[in-house]
Amino acid sequence: MNFTYVNSSDLKGIAINKNNLVILFHTGDMYEYIGASYEYYNLLNSISKGKYFHQYIKNKYPTIKIN
């Protein structure tokens, strides 16, 4: 998977997998947010990636822990 690495204290990288958004955290955990691929550019362009993630993505989409 090709990640775009981001400047964030919480998120390390983001990627799209089909219609899903995949987020790699600095902890090494990776989660796939089902149906959230359109959030990729919003997250990428947000000033605070962590704030955007917590406000618009976390607990808003079905989630699968990948590792």
N, C-alpha and C. Protein backbone atom coordinates (compact mmCIF):
# COMPACT_ATOMS: atom_id res chain seq x y z
N MET A 1 0.85 -1.17 0.00
CA MET A 1 0.00 0.00 0.00
C MET A 1 0.90 1.24 0.00
N ASN A 2 0.55 2.21 -0.80
CA ASN A 2 1.34 3.43 -0.91
C ASN A 2 0.79 4.50 0.02
N PHE A 3 1.51 4.75 1.08
CA PHE A 3 1.09 5.75 2.06
C PHE A 3 1.65 7.12 1.70
N THR A 4 0.85 8.13 1.98
CA THR A 4 1.33 9.50 1.97
C THR A 4 1.61 9.84 3.41
N TYR A 5 2.86 10.16 3.71
CA TYR A 5 3.23 10.45 5.09
C TYR A 5 2.86 11.90 5.42
N VAL A 6 2.33 12.11 6.61
CA VAL A 6 1.79 13.41 7.00
C VAL A 6 2.50 13.93 8.24
N ASN A 7 2.42 15.23 8.41
CA ASN A 7 3.00 15.90 9.58
C ASN A 7 1.95 15.94 10.68
N SER A 8 2.06 15.02 11.62
CA SER A 8 1.09 14.91 12.71
C SER A 8 1.74 14.17 13.87
N SER A 9 1.37 14.53 15.08
CA SER A 9 1.93 13.82 16.23
C SER A 9 1.25 12.48 16.46
N ASP A 10 0.10 12.25 15.84
CA ASP A 10 -0.67 11.02 16.03
C ASP A 10 -0.66 10.15 14.78
N LEU A 11 -0.93 10.73 13.63
CA LEU A 11 -1.01 10.00 12.37
C LEU A 11 0.33 10.02 11.66
N LYS A 12 0.72 8.87 11.13
CA LYS A 12 1.99 8.78 10.41
C LYS A 12 1.76 8.85 8.90
N GLY A 13 0.74 8.12 8.42
CA GLY A 13 0.49 8.10 6.99
C GLY A 13 -0.95 7.73 6.68
N ILE A 14 -1.38 8.12 5.47
CA ILE A 14 -2.74 7.81 5.02
C ILE A 14 -2.69 7.25 3.61
N ALA A 15 -3.66 6.41 3.29
CA ALA A 15 -3.73 5.79 1.97
C ALA A 15 -5.19 5.47 1.66
N ILE A 16 -5.44 5.20 0.39
CA ILE A 16 -6.77 4.76 -0.05
C ILE A 16 -6.67 3.31 -0.49
N ASN A 17 -7.61 2.50 -0.03
CA ASN A 17 -7.73 1.10 -0.44
C ASN A 17 -9.17 0.90 -0.92
N LYS A 18 -9.36 0.91 -2.21
CA LYS A 18 -10.69 0.85 -2.83
C LYS A 18 -11.51 2.04 -2.35
N ASN A 19 -12.61 1.83 -1.66
CA ASN A 19 -13.44 2.94 -1.16
C ASN A 19 -13.14 3.27 0.30
N ASN A 20 -12.03 2.78 0.80
CA ASN A 20 -11.73 2.92 2.21
C ASN A 20 -10.50 3.79 2.45
N LEU A 21 -10.47 4.42 3.60
CA LEU A 21 -9.33 5.21 4.04
C LEU A 21 -8.52 4.36 5.02
N VAL A 22 -7.23 4.29 4.80
CA VAL A 22 -6.35 3.54 5.69
C VAL A 22 -5.44 4.54 6.39
N ILE A 23 -5.36 4.43 7.71
CA ILE A 23 -4.52 5.34 8.48
C ILE A 23 -3.51 4.51 9.27
N LEU A 24 -2.25 4.90 9.13
CA LEU A 24 -1.15 4.32 9.88
C LEU A 24 -0.78 5.32 10.98
N PHE A 25 -0.79 4.85 12.21
CA PHE A 25 -0.48 5.70 13.35
C PHE A 25 0.98 5.53 13.76
N HIS A 26 1.51 6.50 14.46
CA HIS A 26 2.89 6.42 14.94
C HIS A 26 3.10 5.23 15.87
N THR A 27 2.05 4.74 16.49
CA THR A 27 2.15 3.57 17.37
C THR A 27 2.42 2.29 16.59
N GLY A 28 2.23 2.35 15.27
CA GLY A 28 2.37 1.16 14.43
C GLY A 28 1.04 0.53 14.09
N ASP A 29 -0.02 0.95 14.77
CA ASP A 29 -1.36 0.43 14.48
C ASP A 29 -1.84 0.97 13.14
N MET A 30 -2.60 0.15 12.43
CA MET A 30 -3.15 0.54 11.14
C MET A 30 -4.63 0.18 11.12
N TYR A 31 -5.46 1.14 10.72
CA TYR A 31 -6.90 0.94 10.68
C TYR A 31 -7.43 1.32 9.31
N GLU A 32 -8.46 0.58 8.89
CA GLU A 32 -9.16 0.87 7.64
C GLU A 32 -10.56 1.35 7.98
N TYR A 33 -10.91 2.52 7.46
CA TYR A 33 -12.21 3.14 7.71
C TYR A 33 -13.06 2.94 6.47
N ILE A 34 -14.07 2.10 6.62
CA ILE A 34 -14.89 1.64 5.50
C ILE A 34 -15.74 2.78 4.93
N GLY A 35 -15.61 2.99 3.62
CA GLY A 35 -16.40 4.01 2.93
C GLY A 35 -15.90 5.43 3.11
N ALA A 36 -14.72 5.59 3.67
CA ALA A 36 -14.23 6.94 3.99
C ALA A 36 -13.15 7.43 3.03
N SER A 37 -13.05 6.85 1.85
CA SER A 37 -11.98 7.26 0.93
C SER A 37 -12.06 8.73 0.56
N TYR A 38 -13.26 9.29 0.50
CA TYR A 38 -13.39 10.71 0.13
C TYR A 38 -12.82 11.64 1.20
N GLU A 39 -12.58 11.12 2.39
CA GLU A 39 -11.98 11.92 3.47
C GLU A 39 -10.47 12.10 3.27
N TYR A 40 -9.89 11.34 2.35
CA TYR A 40 -8.44 11.37 2.14
C TYR A 40 -7.93 12.79 1.89
N TYR A 41 -8.50 13.47 0.91
CA TYR A 41 -8.01 14.81 0.56
C TYR A 41 -8.37 15.84 1.62
N ASN A 42 -9.53 15.68 2.26
CA ASN A 42 -9.88 16.58 3.35
C ASN A 42 -8.87 16.45 4.49
N LEU A 43 -8.52 15.21 4.83
CA LEU A 43 -7.55 14.96 5.89
C LEU A 43 -6.17 15.47 5.48
N LEU A 44 -5.78 15.17 4.26
CA LEU A 44 -4.47 15.58 3.76
C LEU A 44 -4.31 17.10 3.77
N ASN A 45 -5.37 17.82 3.46
CA ASN A 45 -5.30 19.28 3.36
C ASN A 45 -5.66 20.01 4.65
N SER A 46 -6.01 19.27 5.68
CA SER A 46 -6.38 19.93 6.94
C SER A 46 -5.14 20.46 7.65
N ILE A 47 -5.31 21.54 8.39
CA ILE A 47 -4.21 22.14 9.13
C ILE A 47 -3.77 21.20 10.25
N SER A 48 -4.73 20.64 10.97
CA SER A 48 -4.42 19.70 12.05
C SER A 48 -5.01 18.34 11.68
N LYS A 49 -4.16 17.43 11.30
CA LYS A 49 -4.60 16.09 10.90
C LYS A 49 -5.29 15.37 12.06
N GLY A 50 -4.73 15.48 13.25
CA GLY A 50 -5.30 14.81 14.42
C GLY A 50 -6.68 15.33 14.76
N LYS A 51 -6.85 16.64 14.74
CA LYS A 51 -8.16 17.24 15.04
C LYS A 51 -9.18 16.83 14.00
N TYR A 52 -8.78 16.86 12.72
CA TYR A 52 -9.70 16.46 11.65
C TYR A 52 -10.10 15.00 11.84
N PHE A 53 -9.13 14.14 12.09
CA PHE A 53 -9.40 12.71 12.29
C PHE A 53 -10.40 12.50 13.43
N HIS A 54 -10.16 13.13 14.57
CA HIS A 54 -11.03 12.92 15.73
C HIS A 54 -12.42 13.51 15.53
N GLN A 55 -12.52 14.59 14.77
CA GLN A 55 -13.83 15.23 14.58
C GLN A 55 -14.65 14.58 13.47
N TYR A 56 -14.02 14.15 12.38
CA TYR A 56 -14.78 13.72 11.21
C TYR A 56 -14.65 12.24 10.83
N ILE A 57 -13.67 11.54 11.39
CA ILE A 57 -13.45 10.16 10.94
C ILE A 57 -13.61 9.14 12.08
N LYS A 58 -12.92 9.35 13.19
CA LYS A 58 -12.95 8.40 14.29
C LYS A 58 -14.38 8.23 14.81
N ASN A 59 -14.79 6.99 14.96
CA ASN A 59 -16.13 6.63 15.45
C ASN A 59 -17.27 7.05 14.52
N LYS A 60 -16.95 7.43 13.28
CA LYS A 60 -17.98 7.83 12.31
C LYS A 60 -18.15 6.78 11.20
N TYR A 61 -17.17 5.89 11.06
CA TYR A 61 -17.18 4.87 10.01
C TYR A 61 -16.94 3.50 10.62
N PRO A 62 -17.48 2.46 10.01
CA PRO A 62 -17.09 1.11 10.43
C PRO A 62 -15.58 0.97 10.27
N THR A 63 -14.94 0.33 11.22
CA THR A 63 -13.47 0.30 11.27
C THR A 63 -12.96 -1.12 11.41
N ILE A 64 -11.88 -1.40 10.68
CA ILE A 64 -11.19 -2.68 10.78
C ILE A 64 -9.76 -2.42 11.17
N LYS A 65 -9.29 -3.07 12.23
CA LYS A 65 -7.88 -2.97 12.59
C LYS A 65 -7.12 -3.95 11.70
N ILE A 66 -6.14 -3.44 10.97
CA ILE A 66 -5.41 -4.26 10.01
C ILE A 66 -4.29 -5.05 10.69
N ASN A 67 -3.63 -4.45 11.66
CA ASN A 67 -2.53 -5.18 12.34
C ASN A 67 -2.63 -5.06 13.83
